[in-house]
PDB file of N, CA and C in Angstrom:
ATOM      1  N   SER A   1      -0.578  12.561  26.091  1.00  0.00           N
ATOM      2  CA  SER A   1       0.738  12.988  25.319  1.00  0.00           C
ATOM      3  C   SER A   1       1.718  11.891  25.236  1.00  0.00           C
ATOM      4  N   LEU A   2       2.303  11.653  24.183  1.00  0.00           N
ATOM      5  CA  LEU A   2       3.374  10.475  24.002  1.00  0.00           C
ATOM      6  C   LEU A   2       4.791  10.978  24.415  1.00  0.00           C
ATOM      7  N   THR A   3       5.420  10.066  25.081  1.00  0.00           N
ATOM      8  CA  THR A   3       6.728  10.305  25.395  1.00  0.00           C
ATOM      9  C   THR A   3       7.791   9.990  24.218  1.00  0.00           C
ATOM     10  N   ASP A   4       9.139  10.459  24.322  1.00  0.00           N
ATOM     11  CA  ASP A   4       9.875   9.953  23.356  1.00  0.00           C
ATOM     12  C   ASP A   4      10.187   8.427  23.189  1.00  0.00           C
ATOM     13  N   LYS A   5       9.959   7.728  24.321  1.00  0.00           N
ATOM     14  CA  LYS A   5      10.159   6.297  24.255  1.00  0.00           C
ATOM     15  C   LYS A   5       8.983   5.635  23.534  1.00  0.00           C
ATOM     16  N   GLU A   6       7.876   6.375  23.529  1.00  0.00           N
ATOM     17  CA  GLU A   6       6.645   5.660  22.947  1.00  0.00           C
ATOM     18  C   GLU A   6       6.512   5.816  21.418  1.00  0.00           C
ATOM     19  N   ILE A   7       7.426   6.730  20.879  1.00  0.00           N
ATOM     20  CA  ILE A   7       7.487   7.069  19.487  1.00  0.00           C
ATOM     21  C   ILE A   7       8.515   6.107  18.961  1.00  0.00           C
ATOM     22  N   PRO A   8       8.073   5.124  17.854  1.00  0.00           N
ATOM     23  CA  PRO A   8       9.068   4.312  17.287  1.00  0.00           C
ATOM     24  C   PRO A   8      10.075   4.968  16.457  1.00  0.00           C
ATOM     25  N   HIS A   9      11.354   4.597  16.459  1.00  0.00           N
ATOM     26  CA  HIS A   9      12.291   5.165  15.556  1.00  0.00           C
ATOM     27  C   HIS A   9      11.926   4.963  14.105  1.00  0.00           C
ATOM     28  N   ARG A  10      12.432   5.772  13.282  1.00  0.00           N
ATOM     29  CA  ARG A  10      12.174   5.630  11.892  1.00  0.00           C
ATOM     30  C   ARG A  10      12.241   4.416  11.224  1.00  0.00           C
ATOM     31  N   THR A  11      13.452   3.841  11.644  1.00  0.00           N
ATOM     32  CA  THR A  11      13.828   2.486  11.135  1.00  0.00           C
ATOM     33  C   THR A  11      12.967   1.377  11.521  1.00  0.00           C
ATOM     34  N   LYS A  12      12.430   1.440  12.813  1.00  0.00           N
ATOM     35  CA  LYS A  12      11.440   0.586  13.170  1.00  0.00           C
ATOM     36  C   LYS A  12       9.958   0.727  12.678  1.00  0.00           C
ATOM     37  N   LEU A  13       9.757   1.978  12.402  1.00  0.00           N
ATOM     38  CA  LEU A  13       8.428   2.231  11.697  1.00  0.00           C
ATOM     39  C   LEU A  13       8.469   1.843  10.325  1.00  0.00           C
ATOM     40  N   THR A  14       9.599   2.172   9.655  1.00  0.00           N
ATOM     41  CA  THR A  14       9.874   1.520   8.312  1.00  0.00           C
ATOM     42  C   THR A  14       9.666   0.039   8.157  1.00  0.00           C
ATOM     43  N   ARG A  15      10.241  -0.681   9.087  1.00  0.00           N
ATOM     44  CA  ARG A  15      10.134  -2.260   9.207  1.00  0.00           C
ATOM     45  C   ARG A  15       8.759  -2.614   9.302  1.00  0.00           C
ATOM     46  N   LEU A  16       7.844  -2.073  10.314  1.00  0.00           N
ATOM     47  CA  LEU A  16       6.580  -2.357  10.563  1.00  0.00           C
ATOM     48  C   LEU A  16       5.702  -1.960   9.369  1.00  0.00           C
ATOM     49  N   VAL A  17       5.836  -1.036   8.653  1.00  0.00           N
ATOM     50  CA  VAL A  17       5.151  -0.680   7.449  1.00  0.00           C
ATOM     51  C   VAL A  17       5.387  -1.618   6.432  1.00  0.00           C
ATOM     52  N   PHE A  18       6.604  -2.111   6.166  1.00  0.00           N
ATOM     53  CA  PHE A  18       6.838  -3.175   5.207  1.00  0.00           C
ATOM     54  C   PHE A  18       6.344  -4.478   5.642  1.00  0.00           C
ATOM     55  N   GLU A  19       6.351  -4.919   6.848  1.00  0.00           N
ATOM     56  CA  GLU A  19       5.746  -6.154   7.414  1.00  0.00           C
ATOM     57  C   GLU A  19       4.278  -6.151   7.224  1.00  0.00           C
ATOM     58  N   ALA A  20       3.706  -4.989   7.474  1.00  0.00           N
ATOM     59  CA  ALA A  20       2.119  -4.895   7.333  1.00  0.00           C
ATOM     60  C   ALA A  20       1.979  -5.001   5.863  1.00  0.00           C
ATOM     61  N   TRP A  21       2.645  -4.409   4.868  1.00  0.00           N
ATOM     62  CA  TRP A  21       2.551  -4.515   3.539  1.00  0.00           C
ATOM     63  C   TRP A  21       2.563  -5.995   2.914  1.00  0.00           C
ATOM     64  N   ASP A  22       3.595  -6.683   3.425  1.00  0.00           N
ATOM     65  CA  ASP A  22       3.825  -8.098   3.113  1.00  0.00           C
ATOM     66  C   ASP A  22       2.731  -8.953   3.362  1.00  0.00           C
ATOM     67  N   GLN A  23       2.026  -8.704   4.536  1.00  0.00           N
ATOM     68  CA  GLN A  23       0.958  -9.431   5.085  1.00  0.00           C
ATOM     69  C   GLN A  23      -0.269  -9.171   4.098  1.00  0.00           C
ATOM     70  N   TYR A  24      -0.376  -7.843   3.916  1.00  0.00           N
ATOM     71  CA  TYR A  24      -1.467  -7.501   3.054  1.00  0.00           C
ATOM     72  C   TYR A  24      -1.557  -7.911   1.577  1.00  0.00           C
ATOM     73  N   TYR A  25      -0.301  -7.996   1.051  1.00  0.00           N
ATOM     74  CA  TYR A  25      -0.073  -8.323  -0.202  1.00  0.00           C
ATOM     75  C   TYR A  25      -0.427  -9.873  -0.357  1.00  0.00           C
ATOM     76  N   VAL A  26      -0.035 -10.725   0.515  1.00  0.00           N
ATOM     77  CA  VAL A  26      -0.471 -12.084   0.598  1.00  0.00           C
ATOM     78  C   VAL A  26      -1.970 -12.266   0.458  1.00  0.00           C
ATOM     79  N   GLU A  27      -2.574 -11.453   1.345  1.00  0.00           N
ATOM     80  CA  GLU A  27      -4.135 -11.579   1.437  1.00  0.00           C
ATOM     81  C   GLU A  27      -4.698 -11.011   0.198  1.00  0.00           C
ATOM     82  N   LEU A  28      -4.186  -9.805  -0.535  1.00  0.00           N
ATOM     83  CA  LEU A  28      -4.651  -9.374  -1.751  1.00  0.00           C
ATOM     84  C   LEU A  28      -4.502 -10.385  -3.018  1.00  0.00           C
ATOM     85  N   LYS A  29      -3.380 -11.068  -3.028  1.00  0.00           N
ATOM     86  CA  LYS A  29      -3.193 -12.024  -4.111  1.00  0.00           C
ATOM     87  C   LYS A  29      -4.259 -13.104  -3.894  1.00  0.00           C
ATOM     88  N   THR A  30      -4.480 -13.601  -2.558  1.00  0.00           N
ATOM     89  CA  THR A  30      -5.564 -14.521  -2.456  1.00  0.00           C
ATOM     90  C   THR A  30      -6.889 -14.059  -2.932  1.00  0.00           C
ATOM     91  N   ALA A  31      -7.207 -12.737  -2.517  1.00  0.00           N
ATOM     92  CA  ALA A  31      -8.466 -12.273  -2.880  1.00  0.00           C
ATOM     93  C   ALA A  31      -8.668 -12.249  -4.349  1.00  0.00           C
ATOM     94  N   LEU A  32      -7.724 -11.812  -5.158  1.00  0.00           N
ATOM     95  CA  LEU A  32      -7.611 -11.616  -6.552  1.00  0.00           C
ATOM     96  C   LEU A  32      -7.821 -12.998  -7.413  1.00  0.00           C
ATOM     97  N   ARG A  33      -7.136 -13.976  -6.700  1.00  0.00           N
ATOM     98  CA  ARG A  33      -7.209 -15.420  -7.295  1.00  0.00           C
ATOM     99  C   ARG A  33      -8.576 -16.010  -7.161  1.00  0.00           C
ATOM    100  N   ALA A  34      -9.342 -15.408  -6.064  1.00  0.00           N
ATOM    101  CA  ALA A  34     -10.643 -16.076  -5.728  1.00  0.00           C
ATOM    102  C   ALA A  34     -11.778 -15.226  -6.455  1.00  0.00           C
ATOM    103  N   ALA A  35     -11.428 -14.102  -7.195  1.00  0.00           N
ATOM    104  CA  ALA A  35     -12.310 -13.270  -7.845  1.00  0.00           C
ATOM    105  C   ALA A  35     -13.257 -14.355  -8.677  1.00  0.00           C
ATOM    106  N   ILE A  36     -14.522 -14.019  -8.761  1.00  0.00           N
ATOM    107  CA  ILE A  36     -15.417 -14.891  -9.567  1.00  0.00           C
ATOM    108  C   ILE A  36     -15.628 -14.318 -10.918  1.00  0.00           C
ATOM    109  N   GLY A  37     -15.167 -13.042 -11.247  1.00  0.00           N
ATOM    110  CA  GLY A  37     -15.307 -12.544 -12.547  1.00  0.00           C
ATOM    111  C   GLY A  37     -14.055 -11.761 -12.988  1.00  0.00           C
ATOM    112  N   LYS A  38     -14.298 -10.847 -13.699  1.00  0.00           N
ATOM    113  CA  LYS A  38     -13.097 -10.090 -14.287  1.00  0.00           C
ATOM    114  C   LYS A  38     -12.631  -9.002 -13.118  1.00  0.00           C
ATOM    115  N   ILE A  39     -11.385  -8.778 -13.307  1.00  0.00           N
ATOM    116  CA  ILE A  39     -10.782  -7.727 -12.462  1.00  0.00           C
ATOM    117  C   ILE A  39     -10.519  -6.511 -13.321  1.00  0.00           C
ATOM    118  N   SER A  40     -10.936  -5.421 -12.718  1.00  0.00           N
ATOM    119  CA  SER A  40     -10.778  -4.024 -13.540  1.00  0.00           C
ATOM    120  C   SER A  40      -9.653  -3.307 -12.853  1.00  0.00           C
ATOM    121  N   PHE A  41      -8.719  -2.799 -13.635  1.00  0.00           N
ATOM    122  CA  PHE A  41      -7.677  -1.996 -13.045  1.00  0.00           C
ATOM    123  C   PHE A  41      -7.731  -0.587 -13.759  1.00  0.00           C
ATOM    124  N   THR A  42      -7.318   0.415 -12.895  1.00  0.00           N
ATOM    125  CA  THR A  42      -7.241   1.792 -13.400  1.00  0.00           C
ATOM    126  C   THR A  42      -5.950   2.492 -12.802  1.00  0.00           C
ATOM    127  N   ALA A  43      -5.470   3.284 -13.554  1.00  0.00           N
ATOM    128  CA  ALA A  43      -4.024   3.799 -13.080  1.00  0.00           C
ATOM    129  C   ALA A  43      -3.990   5.320 -13.441  1.00  0.00           C
ATOM    130  N   ASP A  44      -3.298   6.042 -12.654  1.00  0.00           N
ATOM    131  CA  ASP A  44      -3.019   7.439 -12.898  1.00  0.00           C
ATOM    132  C   ASP A  44      -1.758   7.861 -12.444  1.00  0.00           C
ATOM    133  N   ILE A  45      -1.064   8.529 -13.307  1.00  0.00           N
ATOM    134  CA  ILE A  45       0.220   9.036 -13.071  1.00  0.00           C
ATOM    135  C   ILE A  45       0.372  10.495 -13.227  1.00  0.00           C
ATOM    136  N   TRP A  46       1.056  11.092 -12.261  1.00  0.00           N
ATOM    137  CA  TRP A  46       1.137  12.550 -12.270  1.00  0.00           C
ATOM    138  C   TRP A  46       2.465  12.966 -11.504  1.00  0.00           C
ATOM    139  N   SER A  47       2.735  14.225 -11.533  1.00  0.00           N
ATOM    140  CA  SER A  47       3.982  14.685 -10.942  1.00  0.00           C
ATOM    141  C   SER A  47       3.582  16.064 -10.169  1.00  0.00           C
ATOM    142  N   SER A  48       4.162  16.348  -8.963  1.00  0.00           N
ATOM    143  CA  SER A  48       3.890  17.667  -8.364  1.00  0.00           C
ATOM    144  C   SER A  48       4.754  18.679  -9.027  1.00  0.00           C
ATOM    145  N   LYS A  49       4.350  19.806  -8.428  1.00  0.00           N
ATOM    146  CA  LYS A  49       5.069  21.060  -8.868  1.00  0.00           C
ATOM    147  C   LYS A  49       6.601  20.986  -8.592  1.00  0.00           C
ATOM    148  N   GLY A  50       6.940  20.209  -7.578  1.00  0.00           N
ATOM    149  CA  GLY A  50       8.318  19.878  -7.218  1.00  0.00           C
ATOM    150  C   GLY A  50       9.033  18.718  -8.055  1.00  0.00           C
ATOM    151  N   LEU A  51       8.209  18.331  -9.025  1.00  0.00           N
ATOM    152  CA  LEU A  51       8.602  17.177  -9.869  1.00  0.00           C
ATOM    153  C   LEU A  51       8.858  15.647  -9.226  1.00  0.00           C
ATOM    154  N   ASN A  52       7.976  15.676  -8.100  1.00  0.00           N
ATOM    155  CA  ASN A  52       7.889  14.222  -7.456  1.00  0.00           C
ATOM    156  C   ASN A  52       6.926  13.479  -8.210  1.00  0.00           C
ATOM    157  N   ALA A  53       7.223  12.203  -8.702  1.00  0.00           N
ATOM    158  CA  ALA A  53       6.409  11.452  -9.514  1.00  0.00           C
ATOM    159  C   ALA A  53       5.455  10.628  -8.434  1.00  0.00           C
ATOM    160  N   TYR A  54       4.343  10.338  -8.905  1.00  0.00           N
ATOM    161  CA  TYR A  54       3.322   9.541  -8.248  1.00  0.00           C
ATOM    162  C   TYR A  54       2.514   8.704  -9.212  1.00  0.00           C
ATOM    163  N   LEU A  55       2.220   7.404  -8.741  1.00  0.00           N
ATOM    164  CA  LEU A  55       1.429   6.565  -9.507  1.00  0.00           C
ATOM    165  C   LEU A  55       0.410   5.847  -8.460  1.00  0.00           C
ATOM    166  N   ALA A  56      -0.823   5.966  -8.924  1.00  0.00           N
ATOM    167  CA  ALA A  56      -1.962   5.411  -8.255  1.00  0.00           C
ATOM    168  C   ALA A  56      -2.735   4.151  -9.022  1.00  0.00           C
ATOM    169  N   ILE A  57      -2.830   3.197  -8.410  1.00  0.00           N
ATOM    170  CA  ILE A  57      -3.489   1.970  -9.149  1.00  0.00           C
ATOM    171  C   ILE A  57      -4.534   1.476  -8.292  1.00  0.00           C
ATOM    172  N   THR A  58      -5.682   1.389  -8.917  1.00  0.00           N
ATOM    173  CA  THR A  58      -6.887   0.680  -8.250  1.00  0.00           C
ATOM    174  C   THR A  58      -7.381  -0.498  -8.888  1.00  0.00           C
ATOM    175  N   ALA A  59      -8.103  -1.305  -8.422  1.00  0.00           N
ATOM    176  CA  ALA A  59      -8.560  -2.536  -8.767  1.00  0.00           C
ATOM    177  C   ALA A  59     -10.033  -2.784  -8.082  1.00  0.00           C
ATOM    178  N   HIS A  60     -10.845  -3.331  -8.983  1.00  0.00           N
ATOM    179  CA  HIS A  60     -12.245  -3.675  -8.558  1.00  0.00           C
ATOM    180  C   HIS A  60     -12.600  -4.982  -9.111  1.00  0.00           C
ATOM    181  N   TRP A  61     -13.203  -5.837  -8.199  1.00  0.00           N
ATOM    182  CA  TRP A  61     -13.638  -7.142  -8.592  1.00  0.00           C
ATOM    183  C   TRP A  61     -14.663  -7.611  -7.617  1.00  0.00           C
ATOM    184  N   LEU A  62     -15.299  -8.745  -8.001  1.00  0.00           N
ATOM    185  CA  LEU A  62     -16.362  -9.347  -7.266  1.00  0.00           C
ATOM    186  C   LEU A  62     -16.002 -10.538  -6.691  1.00  0.00           C
TER     187      LEU A  62
END
């Protein structure tokens, strides 16, 4: 069981998520630039019953 001290504050958790994304984004750009063929993208846009908007993007490459 976690104690309150072991659970990061929401601002720290937000910072950690953005730091992880920044690192992943650099790696993703490198992988896409090194792709030996074409890159295929798909996208889907929808909204929930509560009118929250969502966007999903996927990419496939070799």
